[in-house]
Amino acid sequence: MRRGRPRRSGEFCPLPTQPCGARRQDMSDRKPVQNPGEAPSGQQPTRRSFVTFGAIAVGAVAASGYLLWPALRQSGLFRTASEATPVAISMSGFSPNVVKVRAGETVRLQLINKDNSTHSDGGGWHQFAIDELKVDFKVAPLDVVEVSFTADKPGTYDFYCNVCCGGKANPYMHGQLVVEA
């Protein structure tokens, strides 16, 4: 049995709320079909999409930090007072070539000589010297030496290697110790 109102011709209207004889439906007020877990366009995101985006963002930050940390740590920008700052020395110079510390703080450096003893100039030895602070350390080929000294006065001090590679005349065999107040 059909439900609805009878039309004039004896047929029934499918929807009792529509006037008889109406053939088209107004589609402007219909909502679009949406997939489960998906936010409708123009509306707030669902919890699922928010959690997914958050997990991706946290993962990206963690991955970039993991990949960048060795470079930042070696740069001397991030270190604790008890931790020695690694400074690699080779024929191509010092890396990092700028080390920052605070005045009165004990400067702790890990000097890493990357050259071997067959180096033609100076036998592979390198030097870390700062004339103004009376600092002078020599490092054997392929050796690692931890050194410490105190920098009391704020300022910028040049350090250099005068053992090989053209000595002080070589612009690559220089760096700076920046002592901040």
Foldseek 3Di string as FASTA:
>chain_A
DQDADADPVRHHDNDNVDDPPDDDDDCPPPADDDDPQADGPPDDHDPVVVVVVVVVVVVVVVVVCVVCVVVCQQQQVDDDLVDAREWEQELQAIVPQEHEEAAFGKHKHKYFQAAAQVPPFLSSKWWWDWVVQGDIDIAHHRGIDIDIDHHHDFDKTKIFTQRTNPRPVDPRRIGIYGYHD
